N, C-alpha and C. Protein backbone atom coordinates (compact mmCIF):
# COMPACT_ATOMS: atom_id res chain seq x y z
N UNK A 1 0.83 -1.20 0.00
CA UNK A 1 0.00 0.00 0.00
C UNK A 1 0.87 1.26 0.00
N UNK A 2 2.04 1.19 0.62
CA UNK A 2 2.88 2.40 0.69
C UNK A 2 3.39 2.80 -0.69
N UNK A 3 3.70 1.82 -1.55
CA UNK A 3 4.14 2.16 -2.91
C UNK A 3 3.00 2.82 -3.70
N UNK A 4 1.80 2.32 -3.51
CA UNK A 4 0.63 2.91 -4.17
C UNK A 4 0.39 4.33 -3.66
N UNK A 5 0.58 4.53 -2.37
CA UNK A 5 0.42 5.88 -1.80
C UNK A 5 1.47 6.84 -2.35
N UNK A 6 2.71 6.38 -2.49
CA UNK A 6 3.76 7.23 -3.07
C UNK A 6 3.44 7.57 -4.52
N UNK A 7 2.95 6.59 -5.28
CA UNK A 7 2.57 6.85 -6.67
C UNK A 7 1.43 7.86 -6.74
N UNK A 8 0.51 7.78 -5.80
CA UNK A 8 -0.60 8.72 -5.76
C UNK A 8 -0.10 10.14 -5.51
N UNK A 9 0.83 10.28 -4.58
CA UNK A 9 1.39 11.61 -4.28
C UNK A 9 2.13 12.15 -5.51
N UNK A 10 2.90 11.31 -6.18
CA UNK A 10 3.61 11.75 -7.39
C UNK A 10 2.61 12.17 -8.47
N UNK A 11 1.56 11.38 -8.66
CA UNK A 11 0.53 11.73 -9.64
C UNK A 11 -0.12 13.05 -9.30
N UNK A 12 -0.38 13.28 -8.01
CA UNK A 12 -1.00 14.54 -7.59
C UNK A 12 -0.06 15.72 -7.83
N UNK A 13 1.22 15.52 -7.59
CA UNK A 13 2.18 16.60 -7.86
C UNK A 13 2.24 16.92 -9.35
N UNK A 14 2.20 15.88 -10.18
CA UNK A 14 2.19 16.11 -11.64
C UNK A 14 0.91 16.81 -12.08
N UNK A 15 -0.21 16.41 -11.52
CA UNK A 15 -1.48 17.07 -11.85
C UNK A 15 -1.48 18.52 -11.38
N UNK A 16 -0.91 18.77 -10.21
CA UNK A 16 -0.82 20.15 -9.72
C UNK A 16 0.07 20.99 -10.64
N UNK A 17 1.18 20.42 -11.08
CA UNK A 17 2.06 21.13 -12.02
C UNK A 17 1.32 21.44 -13.32
N UNK A 18 0.57 20.46 -13.82
CA UNK A 18 -0.21 20.69 -15.05
C UNK A 18 -1.29 21.73 -14.82
N UNK A 19 -1.89 21.71 -13.63
CA UNK A 19 -2.92 22.68 -13.28
C UNK A 19 -2.36 24.10 -13.25
N UNK A 20 -1.13 24.26 -12.83
CA UNK A 20 -0.49 25.58 -12.81
C UNK A 20 0.04 25.95 -14.19
N UNK A 21 0.62 24.99 -14.87
CA UNK A 21 1.27 25.25 -16.16
C UNK A 21 0.26 25.63 -17.26
N UNK A 22 -0.87 24.95 -17.31
CA UNK A 22 -1.83 25.17 -18.41
C UNK A 22 -2.36 26.61 -18.45
N UNK A 23 -2.88 27.17 -17.37
CA UNK A 23 -3.33 28.57 -17.47
C UNK A 23 -2.17 29.55 -17.66
N UNK A 24 -1.00 29.21 -17.11
CA UNK A 24 0.17 30.08 -17.32
C UNK A 24 0.54 30.13 -18.79
N UNK A 25 0.53 28.96 -19.42
CA UNK A 25 0.82 28.91 -20.85
C UNK A 25 -0.24 29.66 -21.65
N UNK A 26 -1.49 29.55 -21.23
CA UNK A 26 -2.58 30.27 -21.89
C UNK A 26 -2.35 31.78 -21.79
N UNK A 27 -1.91 32.25 -20.63
CA UNK A 27 -1.64 33.68 -20.45
C UNK A 27 -0.52 34.14 -21.38
N UNK A 28 0.54 33.35 -21.45
CA UNK A 28 1.67 33.70 -22.33
C UNK A 28 1.24 33.67 -23.79
N UNK A 29 0.54 32.62 -24.18
CA UNK A 29 0.12 32.50 -25.59
C UNK A 29 -0.82 33.63 -25.98
N UNK A 30 -1.74 33.97 -25.10
CA UNK A 30 -2.69 35.02 -25.42
C UNK A 30 -2.07 36.41 -25.28
N UNK A 31 -1.33 36.65 -24.21
CA UNK A 31 -0.79 37.98 -23.94
C UNK A 31 0.42 38.34 -24.77
N UNK A 32 1.30 37.39 -24.98
CA UNK A 32 2.55 37.69 -25.71
C UNK A 32 2.40 37.46 -27.20
N UNK A 33 1.84 36.31 -27.56
CA UNK A 33 1.77 35.94 -28.98
C UNK A 33 0.41 36.22 -29.61
N UNK A 34 -0.58 36.64 -28.80
CA UNK A 34 -1.93 36.93 -29.28
C UNK A 34 -2.55 35.72 -30.00
N UNK A 35 -2.23 34.52 -29.51
CA UNK A 35 -2.77 33.28 -30.06
C UNK A 35 -3.30 32.45 -28.90
N UNK A 36 -4.60 32.53 -28.61
CA UNK A 36 -5.15 31.78 -27.48
C UNK A 36 -5.11 30.27 -27.75
N UNK A 37 -4.91 29.51 -26.67
CA UNK A 37 -4.94 28.04 -26.77
C UNK A 37 -6.39 27.58 -26.72
N UNK A 38 -6.80 26.86 -27.71
CA UNK A 38 -8.16 26.34 -27.73
C UNK A 38 -8.30 25.23 -26.69
N UNK A 39 -9.30 25.34 -25.83
CA UNK A 39 -9.59 24.31 -24.85
C UNK A 39 -8.76 24.38 -23.58
N UNK A 40 -8.00 25.45 -23.39
CA UNK A 40 -7.16 25.55 -22.19
C UNK A 40 -7.99 25.57 -20.91
N UNK A 41 -9.12 26.23 -20.93
CA UNK A 41 -9.96 26.30 -19.74
C UNK A 41 -10.50 24.92 -19.38
N UNK A 42 -10.96 24.19 -20.39
CA UNK A 42 -11.48 22.84 -20.15
C UNK A 42 -10.38 21.91 -19.65
N UNK A 43 -9.19 22.04 -20.21
CA UNK A 43 -8.07 21.20 -19.80
C UNK A 43 -7.67 21.52 -18.35
N UNK A 44 -7.68 22.79 -17.99
CA UNK A 44 -7.37 23.20 -16.62
C UNK A 44 -8.42 22.64 -15.66
N UNK A 45 -9.67 22.71 -16.05
CA UNK A 45 -10.76 22.17 -15.23
C UNK A 45 -10.60 20.66 -15.06
N UNK A 46 -10.20 19.98 -16.12
CA UNK A 46 -9.97 18.54 -16.06
C UNK A 46 -8.86 18.22 -15.06
N UNK A 47 -7.75 18.97 -15.11
CA UNK A 47 -6.65 18.74 -14.17
C UNK A 47 -7.09 18.99 -12.74
N UNK A 48 -7.91 20.01 -12.52
CA UNK A 48 -8.41 20.30 -11.18
C UNK A 48 -9.28 19.16 -10.65
N UNK A 49 -10.17 18.67 -11.48
CA UNK A 49 -11.04 17.57 -11.08
C UNK A 49 -10.22 16.31 -10.83
N UNK A 50 -9.27 16.02 -11.72
CA UNK A 50 -8.42 14.84 -11.55
C UNK A 50 -7.60 14.94 -10.27
N UNK A 51 -7.04 16.11 -9.99
CA UNK A 51 -6.26 16.31 -8.77
C UNK A 51 -7.12 16.08 -7.53
N UNK A 52 -8.33 16.59 -7.56
CA UNK A 52 -9.23 16.43 -6.42
C UNK A 52 -9.61 14.97 -6.20
N UNK A 53 -9.97 14.28 -7.27
CA UNK A 53 -10.41 12.89 -7.13
C UNK A 53 -9.27 11.96 -6.77
N UNK A 54 -8.13 12.11 -7.41
CA UNK A 54 -6.99 11.24 -7.12
C UNK A 54 -6.38 11.58 -5.75
N UNK A 55 -6.35 12.86 -5.41
CA UNK A 55 -5.76 13.28 -4.14
C UNK A 55 -6.61 12.99 -2.92
N UNK A 56 -7.88 12.71 -3.10
CA UNK A 56 -8.77 12.46 -1.96
C UNK A 56 -8.32 11.26 -1.14
N UNK A 57 -7.74 10.26 -1.77
CA UNK A 57 -7.27 9.09 -1.02
C UNK A 57 -6.12 9.47 -0.10
N UNK A 58 -5.23 10.33 -0.57
CA UNK A 58 -4.12 10.78 0.27
C UNK A 58 -4.65 11.59 1.46
N UNK A 59 -5.62 12.42 1.21
CA UNK A 59 -6.23 13.21 2.29
C UNK A 59 -6.86 12.28 3.32
N UNK A 60 -7.53 11.24 2.87
CA UNK A 60 -8.14 10.28 3.78
C UNK A 60 -7.07 9.57 4.60
N UNK A 61 -6.00 9.14 3.95
CA UNK A 61 -4.91 8.46 4.66
C UNK A 61 -4.29 9.34 5.72
N UNK A 62 -4.15 10.62 5.44
CA UNK A 62 -3.53 11.55 6.37
C UNK A 62 -4.50 12.05 7.45
N UNK A 63 -5.77 11.61 7.39
CA UNK A 63 -6.74 12.00 8.40
C UNK A 63 -7.34 13.37 8.18
N UNK A 64 -7.34 13.84 6.96
CA UNK A 64 -7.82 15.18 6.67
C UNK A 64 -9.29 15.28 6.32
N UNK A 65 -10.00 14.16 6.24
CA UNK A 65 -11.42 14.21 5.93
C UNK A 65 -12.21 14.67 7.16
N UNK A 66 -13.34 15.27 6.94
CA UNK A 66 -14.21 15.72 8.03
C UNK A 66 -14.79 14.48 8.72
N UNK A 67 -14.60 14.40 10.03
CA UNK A 67 -15.07 13.22 10.76
C UNK A 67 -16.04 13.56 11.88
N UNK A 68 -16.28 14.83 12.10
CA UNK A 68 -17.18 15.25 13.18
C UNK A 68 -16.73 14.65 14.51
N UNK A 69 -15.45 14.75 14.80
CA UNK A 69 -14.89 14.14 16.00
C UNK A 69 -15.42 14.75 17.28
N UNK A 70 -15.76 16.03 17.25
CA UNK A 70 -16.31 16.66 18.45
C UNK A 70 -17.62 16.01 18.83
N UNK A 71 -18.45 15.72 17.82
CA UNK A 71 -19.72 15.03 18.09
C UNK A 71 -19.46 13.61 18.58
N UNK A 72 -18.55 12.91 17.92
CA UNK A 72 -18.24 11.54 18.32
C UNK A 72 -17.66 11.47 19.73
N UNK A 73 -16.92 12.49 20.13
CA UNK A 73 -16.32 12.50 21.48
C UNK A 73 -17.38 12.53 22.57
N UNK A 74 -18.58 12.99 22.25
CA UNK A 74 -19.66 13.03 23.23
C UNK A 74 -20.28 11.65 23.46
N UNK A 75 -20.00 10.71 22.59
CA UNK A 75 -20.59 9.38 22.68
C UNK A 75 -19.79 8.49 23.63
N UNK A 76 -20.43 7.51 24.24
CA UNK A 76 -19.70 6.53 25.05
C UNK A 76 -18.72 5.75 24.16
N UNK A 77 -17.67 5.22 24.76
CA UNK A 77 -16.57 4.59 24.00
C UNK A 77 -17.05 3.48 23.06
N UNK A 78 -17.89 2.57 23.53
CA UNK A 78 -18.34 1.45 22.68
C UNK A 78 -19.21 1.94 21.52
N UNK A 79 -20.07 2.91 21.79
CA UNK A 79 -20.90 3.47 20.73
C UNK A 79 -20.04 4.24 19.74
N UNK A 80 -19.05 4.97 20.22
CA UNK A 80 -18.13 5.69 19.33
C UNK A 80 -17.38 4.72 18.42
N UNK A 81 -16.96 3.58 18.97
CA UNK A 81 -16.29 2.54 18.19
C UNK A 81 -17.24 2.02 17.11
N UNK A 82 -18.48 1.73 17.48
CA UNK A 82 -19.46 1.23 16.51
C UNK A 82 -19.75 2.26 15.43
N UNK A 83 -19.86 3.53 15.81
CA UNK A 83 -20.12 4.60 14.83
C UNK A 83 -18.94 4.73 13.87
N UNK A 84 -17.72 4.67 14.39
CA UNK A 84 -16.55 4.78 13.53
C UNK A 84 -16.49 3.61 12.55
N UNK A 85 -16.78 2.40 13.03
CA UNK A 85 -16.82 1.24 12.13
C UNK A 85 -17.89 1.41 11.06
N UNK A 86 -19.06 1.88 11.47
CA UNK A 86 -20.17 2.08 10.53
C UNK A 86 -19.80 3.12 9.46
N UNK A 87 -19.17 4.20 9.89
CA UNK A 87 -18.75 5.24 8.94
C UNK A 87 -17.76 4.68 7.94
N UNK A 88 -16.80 3.90 8.41
CA UNK A 88 -15.78 3.36 7.51
C UNK A 88 -16.35 2.31 6.56
N UNK A 89 -17.28 1.49 7.04
CA UNK A 89 -17.94 0.52 6.17
C UNK A 89 -18.77 1.25 5.11
N UNK A 90 -19.53 2.26 5.54
CA UNK A 90 -20.36 3.02 4.61
C UNK A 90 -19.51 3.74 3.57
N UNK A 91 -18.38 4.30 4.01
CA UNK A 91 -17.49 5.00 3.08
C UNK A 91 -16.93 4.02 2.05
N UNK A 92 -16.43 2.89 2.51
CA UNK A 92 -15.88 1.89 1.58
C UNK A 92 -16.94 1.43 0.59
N UNK A 93 -18.15 1.18 1.08
CA UNK A 93 -19.23 0.75 0.20
C UNK A 93 -19.62 1.81 -0.83
N UNK A 94 -19.73 3.05 -0.39
CA UNK A 94 -20.11 4.13 -1.30
C UNK A 94 -19.02 4.36 -2.36
N UNK A 95 -17.76 4.40 -1.93
CA UNK A 95 -16.68 4.62 -2.88
C UNK A 95 -16.57 3.46 -3.87
N UNK A 96 -16.78 2.23 -3.38
CA UNK A 96 -16.75 1.06 -4.28
C UNK A 96 -17.88 1.14 -5.30
N UNK A 97 -19.07 1.53 -4.84
CA UNK A 97 -20.21 1.68 -5.74
C UNK A 97 -19.93 2.73 -6.82
N UNK A 98 -19.32 3.84 -6.41
CA UNK A 98 -19.00 4.89 -7.38
C UNK A 98 -17.92 4.44 -8.35
N UNK A 99 -16.96 3.65 -7.89
CA UNK A 99 -15.93 3.12 -8.78
C UNK A 99 -16.55 2.19 -9.82
N UNK A 100 -17.43 1.32 -9.38
CA UNK A 100 -18.10 0.41 -10.30
C UNK A 100 -18.97 1.18 -11.28
N UNK A 101 -19.69 2.18 -10.80
CA UNK A 101 -20.53 3.00 -11.68
C UNK A 101 -19.71 3.71 -12.74
N UNK A 102 -18.52 4.19 -12.36
CA UNK A 102 -17.68 4.87 -13.36
C UNK A 102 -17.16 3.90 -14.40
N UNK A 103 -16.84 2.66 -13.98
CA UNK A 103 -16.40 1.65 -14.94
C UNK A 103 -17.53 1.30 -15.91
N UNK A 104 -18.74 1.17 -15.39
CA UNK A 104 -19.91 0.89 -16.24
C UNK A 104 -20.13 2.04 -17.21
N UNK A 105 -20.00 3.27 -16.73
CA UNK A 105 -20.16 4.44 -17.58
C UNK A 105 -19.11 4.46 -18.70
N UNK A 106 -17.88 4.14 -18.34
CA UNK A 106 -16.83 4.09 -19.36
C UNK A 106 -17.15 3.01 -20.39
N UNK A 107 -17.54 1.83 -19.91
CA UNK A 107 -17.85 0.72 -20.82
C UNK A 107 -18.99 1.08 -21.77
N UNK A 108 -19.98 1.82 -21.28
CA UNK A 108 -21.12 2.18 -22.11
C UNK A 108 -20.83 3.33 -23.07
N UNK A 109 -19.71 4.01 -22.90
CA UNK A 109 -19.39 5.17 -23.73
C UNK A 109 -18.01 5.07 -24.37
N UNK A 110 -17.57 3.88 -24.68
CA UNK A 110 -16.22 3.70 -25.23
C UNK A 110 -15.99 4.44 -26.54
N UNK A 111 -17.03 4.64 -27.33
CA UNK A 111 -16.87 5.30 -28.62
C UNK A 111 -17.13 6.80 -28.57
N UNK A 112 -17.42 7.33 -27.40
CA UNK A 112 -17.72 8.76 -27.27
C UNK A 112 -16.47 9.54 -26.87
N UNK A 113 -16.58 10.86 -27.04
CA UNK A 113 -15.49 11.76 -26.64
C UNK A 113 -16.10 13.08 -26.18
N UNK A 114 -15.28 13.86 -25.45
CA UNK A 114 -15.77 15.15 -24.98
C UNK A 114 -15.89 16.12 -26.15
N UNK A 115 -16.75 17.11 -26.00
CA UNK A 115 -17.06 18.01 -27.11
C UNK A 115 -15.91 18.93 -27.48
N UNK A 116 -15.37 19.66 -26.52
CA UNK A 116 -14.38 20.68 -26.84
C UNK A 116 -13.00 20.10 -27.10
N UNK A 117 -12.52 19.30 -26.16
CA UNK A 117 -11.16 18.76 -26.28
C UNK A 117 -11.09 17.50 -27.12
N UNK A 118 -12.25 16.92 -27.43
CA UNK A 118 -12.33 15.66 -28.16
C UNK A 118 -11.49 14.58 -27.47
N UNK A 119 -11.55 14.59 -26.15
CA UNK A 119 -10.85 13.62 -25.32
C UNK A 119 -11.68 12.34 -25.26
N UNK A 120 -11.06 11.18 -25.40
CA UNK A 120 -11.83 9.94 -25.26
C UNK A 120 -12.52 9.88 -23.90
N UNK A 121 -13.73 9.36 -23.91
CA UNK A 121 -14.53 9.34 -22.68
C UNK A 121 -13.85 8.56 -21.57
N UNK A 122 -13.16 7.48 -21.92
CA UNK A 122 -12.50 6.69 -20.88
C UNK A 122 -11.42 7.50 -20.18
N UNK A 123 -10.73 8.36 -20.92
CA UNK A 123 -9.69 9.20 -20.32
C UNK A 123 -10.34 10.28 -19.45
N UNK A 124 -11.46 10.80 -19.90
CA UNK A 124 -12.18 11.81 -19.13
C UNK A 124 -12.67 11.24 -17.80
N UNK A 125 -13.12 10.00 -17.80
CA UNK A 125 -13.67 9.38 -16.59
C UNK A 125 -12.62 8.64 -15.76
N UNK A 126 -11.42 8.47 -16.26
CA UNK A 126 -10.38 7.72 -15.54
C UNK A 126 -10.09 8.27 -14.14
N UNK A 127 -10.00 9.60 -13.95
CA UNK A 127 -9.75 10.08 -12.58
C UNK A 127 -10.84 9.67 -11.58
N UNK A 128 -12.07 9.59 -12.04
CA UNK A 128 -13.16 9.15 -11.16
C UNK A 128 -12.95 7.70 -10.76
N UNK A 129 -12.65 6.85 -11.72
CA UNK A 129 -12.44 5.44 -11.43
C UNK A 129 -11.24 5.24 -10.51
N UNK A 130 -10.14 5.90 -10.83
CA UNK A 130 -8.93 5.77 -10.03
C UNK A 130 -9.16 6.33 -8.63
N UNK A 131 -9.72 7.52 -8.54
CA UNK A 131 -9.95 8.15 -7.25
C UNK A 131 -10.87 7.34 -6.36
N UNK A 132 -11.98 6.86 -6.90
CA UNK A 132 -12.92 6.10 -6.10
C UNK A 132 -12.34 4.74 -5.69
N UNK A 133 -11.54 4.14 -6.55
CA UNK A 133 -10.88 2.88 -6.19
C UNK A 133 -9.88 3.10 -5.06
N UNK A 134 -9.09 4.17 -5.17
CA UNK A 134 -8.13 4.49 -4.11
C UNK A 134 -8.83 4.83 -2.80
N UNK A 135 -9.93 5.58 -2.88
CA UNK A 135 -10.70 5.89 -1.67
C UNK A 135 -11.30 4.63 -1.04
N UNK A 136 -11.72 3.68 -1.87
CA UNK A 136 -12.22 2.41 -1.34
C UNK A 136 -11.12 1.68 -0.58
N UNK A 137 -9.93 1.62 -1.18
CA UNK A 137 -8.80 0.94 -0.52
C UNK A 137 -8.41 1.62 0.79
N UNK A 138 -8.37 2.95 0.77
CA UNK A 138 -8.02 3.68 2.00
C UNK A 138 -9.09 3.50 3.08
N UNK A 139 -10.35 3.51 2.68
CA UNK A 139 -11.43 3.30 3.65
C UNK A 139 -11.37 1.90 4.24
N UNK A 140 -11.05 0.92 3.42
CA UNK A 140 -10.89 -0.44 3.92
C UNK A 140 -9.69 -0.55 4.85
N UNK A 141 -8.61 0.16 4.53
CA UNK A 141 -7.43 0.16 5.40
C UNK A 141 -7.77 0.80 6.75
N UNK A 142 -8.54 1.88 6.74
CA UNK A 142 -8.97 2.50 7.99
C UNK A 142 -9.87 1.57 8.79
N UNK A 143 -10.77 0.90 8.10
CA UNK A 143 -11.67 -0.06 8.75
C UNK A 143 -10.86 -1.17 9.41
N UNK A 144 -9.90 -1.69 8.70
CA UNK A 144 -9.03 -2.76 9.22
C UNK A 144 -8.26 -2.28 10.46
N UNK A 145 -7.71 -1.08 10.38
CA UNK A 145 -6.96 -0.53 11.51
C UNK A 145 -7.86 -0.34 12.73
N UNK A 146 -9.03 0.24 12.51
CA UNK A 146 -9.96 0.47 13.62
C UNK A 146 -10.40 -0.86 14.24
N UNK A 147 -10.70 -1.83 13.41
CA UNK A 147 -11.13 -3.13 13.90
C UNK A 147 -10.03 -3.79 14.73
N UNK A 148 -8.79 -3.72 14.23
CA UNK A 148 -7.67 -4.35 14.94
C UNK A 148 -7.35 -3.67 16.27
N UNK A 149 -7.49 -2.33 16.30
CA UNK A 149 -7.16 -1.65 17.56
C UNK A 149 -8.27 -1.82 18.59
N UNK A 150 -9.47 -2.16 18.16
CA UNK A 150 -10.55 -2.49 19.08
C UNK A 150 -11.22 -1.32 19.77
N UNK A 151 -10.89 -0.11 19.37
CA UNK A 151 -11.53 1.07 19.95
C UNK A 151 -11.47 2.21 18.93
N UNK A 152 -12.31 3.20 19.16
CA UNK A 152 -12.35 4.36 18.25
C UNK A 152 -11.12 5.23 18.44
N UNK A 153 -10.81 6.02 17.44
CA UNK A 153 -9.71 6.97 17.54
C UNK A 153 -10.01 7.99 18.63
N UNK A 154 -8.98 8.42 19.32
CA UNK A 154 -9.14 9.40 20.39
C UNK A 154 -8.76 10.80 19.94
N UNK A 155 -8.70 11.02 18.65
CA UNK A 155 -8.27 12.32 18.14
C UNK A 155 -9.28 13.40 18.51
N UNK A 156 -8.75 14.57 18.80
CA UNK A 156 -9.57 15.76 19.04
C UNK A 156 -9.04 16.88 18.15
N UNK A 157 -9.92 17.68 17.65
CA UNK A 157 -9.51 18.83 16.85
C UNK A 157 -9.11 19.95 17.78
N UNK A 158 -7.93 20.49 17.55
CA UNK A 158 -7.45 21.61 18.35
C UNK A 158 -7.54 22.87 17.51
N UNK A 159 -8.30 23.81 17.97
CA UNK A 159 -8.43 25.08 17.25
C UNK A 159 -7.42 26.07 17.80
N UNK A 160 -6.68 26.70 16.91
CA UNK A 160 -5.67 27.66 17.35
C UNK A 160 -6.11 29.07 17.05
């Protein structure tokens, strides 16, 4: 899992670089050469969406997702453990369902492409499939960790 996590971080860094580079190149092309890049806005939007979907698994692994820990801290320990398990099972199930739905969508649209960039539909939907698959794996890893430790996380949010 650690190699997959490192690959995810590298992919996110590349997507972030592309997200910064594309509008910068558009500014140079339009401002200096007076030749706008066709589809630059759509391509930038694609990189933003891909970065968000692929990077969500890393955010989950690092504990950055909203967990409503203040509310959970009010619950008794056994109930908090059950709620945390339920949340992780529900997350894994939802992300797996979305991954499967994106694969079905790709399969049903193999001959289609996006309008402006004329990008193949499978490439357009790939970040969704990858992101949801990675989120499923991370949610299952969290579920496994919680189950093995036998109690809910004791984390508290500290506001500065």
